[in-house]
Amino acid sequence: MRVLLDTHALVWALSEPERLSSRARATVANPATDAYVSMASAWELAILESLGHVRLAVSLDSIFSEGLAALRIRLLPIQLQHLVRLTALPRHHRDPFDRLLIATAMVEKLTLVSSDREFKKYGAVTLW
């Protein structure tokens, strides 16, 4: 299975895996899973932390170096085709980072690991 972790799923997988659904936890832990996280999630966490909306237990650098390596998650850069797909999405969701993750998952044919029920309105394949 090929999956893209939503930002909250990444944070929980690293710091509070019990907050993930049992299905999401098993999928992320499965060595056969190709797991990705978007650079958009790093960008989102940096903004949230700088605004004081989130306090990360470890540095952003640690999350995206040691944390990803520990879980065998690969960092996926933002590509032009992700942004092009984003512009075609309907406005079901106002969060620009979530919309970019949805577009990325669609372009890359990845299943989104997210508890956000709004993603299904886009026809995105989700797992929770």
C-alpha atoms as a PDB file:
ATOM      1  CA  MET A   1       0.000   0.000   0.000  1.00  0.00           C
ATOM      2  CA  ARG A   2       1.162   3.549  -0.752  1.00  0.00           C
ATOM      3  CA  VAL A   3       0.043   6.190   1.735  1.00  0.00           C
ATOM      4  CA  LEU A   4       0.398   9.900   2.406  1.00  0.00           C
ATOM      5  CA  LEU A   5       0.131  10.925   6.041  1.00  0.00           C
ATOM      6  CA  ASP A   6      -1.888  13.992   6.929  1.00  0.00           C
ATOM      7  CA  THR A   7       0.014  16.358   9.223  1.00  0.00           C
ATOM      8  CA  HIS A   8      -1.826  15.285  12.362  1.00  0.00           C
ATOM      9  CA  ALA A   9      -1.315  11.607  11.486  1.00  0.00           C
ATOM     10  CA  LEU A  10       2.427  12.217  11.211  1.00  0.00           C
ATOM     11  CA  VAL A  11       2.618  13.991  14.570  1.00  0.00           C
ATOM     12  CA  TRP A  12       0.567  11.272  16.247  1.00  0.00           C
ATOM     13  CA  ALA A  13       2.559   8.461  14.610  1.00  0.00           C
ATOM     14  CA  LEU A  14       5.730   9.963  16.045  1.00  0.00           C
ATOM     15  CA  SER A  15       4.574  11.103  19.464  1.00  0.00           C
ATOM     16  CA  GLU A  16       1.214   9.514  20.349  1.00  0.00           C
ATOM     17  CA  PRO A  17       0.655   6.468  18.121  1.00  0.00           C
ATOM     18  CA  GLU A  18      -2.292   5.381  20.281  1.00  0.00           C
ATOM     19  CA  ARG A  19      -4.232   8.366  18.856  1.00  0.00           C
ATOM     20  CA  LEU A  20      -4.114   6.785  15.386  1.00  0.00           C
ATOM     21  CA  SER A  21      -6.855   4.338  14.528  1.00  0.00           C
ATOM     22  CA  SER A  22      -5.747   0.729  14.831  1.00  0.00           C
ATOM     23  CA  ARG A  23      -5.968   0.415  11.032  1.00  0.00           C
ATOM     24  CA  ALA A  24      -3.830   3.527  10.451  1.00  0.00           C
ATOM     25  CA  ARG A  25      -1.292   2.445  13.082  1.00  0.00           C
ATOM     26  CA  ALA A  26      -0.975  -1.021  11.532  1.00  0.00           C
ATOM     27  CA  THR A  27      -0.628   0.391   8.020  1.00  0.00           C
ATOM     28  CA  VAL A  28       2.106   2.855   8.997  1.00  0.00           C
ATOM     29  CA  ALA A  29       3.958   0.158  10.976  1.00  0.00           C
ATOM     30  CA  ASN A  30       3.755  -2.408   8.166  1.00  0.00           C
ATOM     31  CA  PRO A  31       7.169  -2.747   6.464  1.00  0.00           C
ATOM     32  CA  ALA A  32       5.397  -3.388   3.146  1.00  0.00           C
ATOM     33  CA  THR A  33       3.762   0.067   3.240  1.00  0.00           C
ATOM     34  CA  ASP A  34       5.329   2.832   1.174  1.00  0.00           C
ATOM     35  CA  ALA A  35       4.644   5.812   3.440  1.00  0.00           C
ATOM     36  CA  TYR A  36       5.131   9.453   2.494  1.00  0.00           C
ATOM     37  CA  VAL A  37       4.701  12.839   4.092  1.00  0.00           C
ATOM     38  CA  SER A  38       4.457  16.001   2.028  1.00  0.00           C
ATOM     39  CA  MET A  39       6.757  18.969   2.387  1.00  0.00           C
ATOM     40  CA  ALA A  40       3.447  20.817   2.847  1.00  0.00           C
ATOM     41  CA  SER A  41       3.189  19.171   6.278  1.00  0.00           C
ATOM     42  CA  ALA A  42       6.618  20.517   7.256  1.00  0.00           C
ATOM     43  CA  TRP A  43       5.522  23.951   6.073  1.00  0.00           C
ATOM     44  CA  GLU A  44       2.240  23.698   7.995  1.00  0.00           C
ATOM     45  CA  LEU A  45       3.963  22.615  11.217  1.00  0.00           C
ATOM     46  CA  ALA A  46       6.522  25.425  10.918  1.00  0.00           C
ATOM     47  CA  ILE A  47       3.750  27.997  10.560  1.00  0.00           C
ATOM     48  CA  LEU A  48       1.648  26.539  13.378  1.00  0.00           C
ATOM     49  CA  GLU A  49       4.635  26.416  15.712  1.00  0.00           C
ATOM     50  CA  SER A  50       5.781  29.954  14.863  1.00  0.00           C
ATOM     51  CA  LEU A  51       2.260  31.265  15.573  1.00  0.00           C
ATOM     52  CA  GLY A  52       2.140  29.401  18.880  1.00  0.00           C
ATOM     53  CA  HIS A  53      -0.786  27.186  17.788  1.00  0.00           C
ATOM     54  CA  VAL A  54       1.185  24.000  18.356  1.00  0.00           C
ATOM     55  CA  ARG A  55       4.092  23.030  20.572  1.00  0.00           C
ATOM     56  CA  LEU A  56       6.207  20.278  19.127  1.00  0.00           C
ATOM     57  CA  ALA A  57       7.853  17.895  21.599  1.00  0.00           C
ATOM     58  CA  VAL A  58      10.961  17.800  19.391  1.00  0.00           C
ATOM     59  CA  SER A  59      12.353  20.187  16.808  1.00  0.00           C
ATOM     60  CA  LEU A  60      10.957  20.343  13.304  1.00  0.00           C
ATOM     61  CA  ASP A  61      14.370  19.266  12.064  1.00  0.00           C
ATOM     62  CA  SER A  62      14.259  16.164  14.276  1.00  0.00           C
ATOM     63  CA  ILE A  63      10.784  15.262  13.089  1.00  0.00           C
ATOM     64  CA  PHE A  64      11.780  15.429   9.432  1.00  0.00           C
ATOM     65  CA  SER A  65      15.119  13.699   9.812  1.00  0.00           C
ATOM     66  CA  GLU A  66      15.162  11.179  12.662  1.00  0.00           C
ATOM     67  CA  GLY A  67      11.387  10.798  13.012  1.00  0.00           C
ATOM     68  CA  LEU A  68      10.728  10.009   9.373  1.00  0.00           C
ATOM     69  CA  ALA A  69      13.687   7.635   9.238  1.00  0.00           C
ATOM     70  CA  ALA A  70      12.481   5.771  12.334  1.00  0.00           C
ATOM     71  CA  LEU A  71       9.100   5.122  10.702  1.00  0.00           C
ATOM     72  CA  ARG A  72      10.491   4.555   7.178  1.00  0.00           C
ATOM     73  CA  ILE A  73       8.507   7.534   5.859  1.00  0.00           C
ATOM     74  CA  ARG A  74       9.789   9.403   2.832  1.00  0.00           C
ATOM     75  CA  LEU A  75       9.506  13.144   2.344  1.00  0.00           C
ATOM     76  CA  LEU A  76       7.596  14.052  -0.799  1.00  0.00           C
ATOM     77  CA  PRO A  77       8.431  17.423  -2.377  1.00  0.00           C
ATOM     78  CA  ILE A  78       5.700  19.722  -3.641  1.00  0.00           C
ATOM     79  CA  GLN A  79       5.543  19.438  -7.432  1.00  0.00           C
ATOM     80  CA  LEU A  80       3.960  21.738 -10.003  1.00  0.00           C
ATOM     81  CA  GLN A  81       1.411  19.062 -10.957  1.00  0.00           C
ATOM     82  CA  HIS A  82       0.232  18.988  -7.303  1.00  0.00           C
ATOM     83  CA  LEU A  83      -0.434  22.726  -7.476  1.00  0.00           C
ATOM     84  CA  VAL A  84      -2.177  22.439 -10.838  1.00  0.00           C
ATOM     85  CA  ARG A  85      -4.472  19.723  -9.425  1.00  0.00           C
ATOM     86  CA  LEU A  86      -5.094  21.909  -6.362  1.00  0.00           C
ATOM     87  CA  THR A  87      -6.495  24.700  -8.522  1.00  0.00           C
ATOM     88  CA  ALA A  88      -9.108  22.307  -9.930  1.00  0.00           C
ATOM     89  CA  LEU A  89     -10.406  21.136  -6.542  1.00  0.00           C
ATOM     90  CA  PRO A  90     -13.844  22.278  -5.403  1.00  0.00           C
ATOM     91  CA  ARG A  91     -13.993  24.434  -2.254  1.00  0.00           C
ATOM     92  CA  HIS A  92     -15.226  21.845   0.240  1.00  0.00           C
ATOM     93  CA  HIS A  93     -12.381  22.579   2.602  1.00  0.00           C
ATOM     94  CA  ARG A  94     -10.839  25.937   3.501  1.00  0.00           C
ATOM     95  CA  ASP A  95      -7.516  24.667   4.879  1.00  0.00           C
ATOM     96  CA  PRO A  96      -4.918  25.274   2.132  1.00  0.00           C
ATOM     97  CA  PHE A  97      -2.546  22.625   3.483  1.00  0.00           C
ATOM     98  CA  ASP A  98      -5.257  19.959   3.541  1.00  0.00           C
ATOM     99  CA  ARG A  99      -6.259  20.895   0.007  1.00  0.00           C
ATOM    100  CA  LEU A 100      -2.637  20.539  -1.110  1.00  0.00           C
ATOM    101  CA  LEU A 101      -2.389  17.132   0.564  1.00  0.00           C
ATOM    102  CA  ILE A 102      -5.567  16.020  -1.202  1.00  0.00           C
ATOM    103  CA  ALA A 103      -4.241  17.194  -4.564  1.00  0.00           C
ATOM    104  CA  THR A 104      -0.883  15.521  -3.921  1.00  0.00           C
ATOM    105  CA  ALA A 105      -2.523  12.218  -3.005  1.00  0.00           C
ATOM    106  CA  MET A 106      -4.653  12.346  -6.144  1.00  0.00           C
ATOM    107  CA  VAL A 107      -1.729  13.084  -8.455  1.00  0.00           C
ATOM    108  CA  GLU A 108       0.561  10.512  -6.840  1.00  0.00           C
ATOM    109  CA  LYS A 109      -2.232   7.912  -6.430  1.00  0.00           C
ATOM    110  CA  LEU A 110      -1.687   7.673  -2.680  1.00  0.00           C
ATOM    111  CA  THR A 111      -4.150   6.792   0.062  1.00  0.00           C
ATOM    112  CA  LEU A 112      -4.479   9.607   2.612  1.00  0.00           C
ATOM    113  CA  VAL A 113      -4.047   8.582   6.245  1.00  0.00           C
ATOM    114  CA  SER A 114      -6.287  11.100   7.984  1.00  0.00           C
ATOM    115  CA  SER A 115      -9.131  11.352  10.461  1.00  0.00           C
ATOM    116  CA  ASP A 116     -10.501  14.336   8.519  1.00  0.00           C
ATOM    117  CA  ARG A 117     -13.872  13.266   7.095  1.00  0.00           C
ATOM    118  CA  GLU A 118     -13.978  16.269   4.745  1.00  0.00           C
ATOM    119  CA  PHE A 119     -11.371  14.617   2.503  1.00  0.00           C
ATOM    120  CA  LYS A 120     -13.935  12.136   1.218  1.00  0.00           C
ATOM    121  CA  LYS A 121     -15.961  14.985  -0.307  1.00  0.00           C
ATOM    122  CA  TYR A 122     -13.171  15.313  -2.869  1.00  0.00           C
ATOM    123  CA  GLY A 123     -13.239  11.659  -3.798  1.00  0.00           C
ATOM    124  CA  ALA A 124      -9.850  11.174  -2.155  1.00  0.00           C
ATOM    125  CA  VAL A 125      -9.028   7.655  -1.071  1.00  0.00           C
ATOM    126  CA  THR A 126      -8.600   7.751   2.704  1.00  0.00           C
ATOM    127  CA  LEU A 127      -7.696   5.361   5.461  1.00  0.00           C
ATOM    128  CA  TRP A 128      -8.510   5.762   9.116  1.00  0.00           C
END
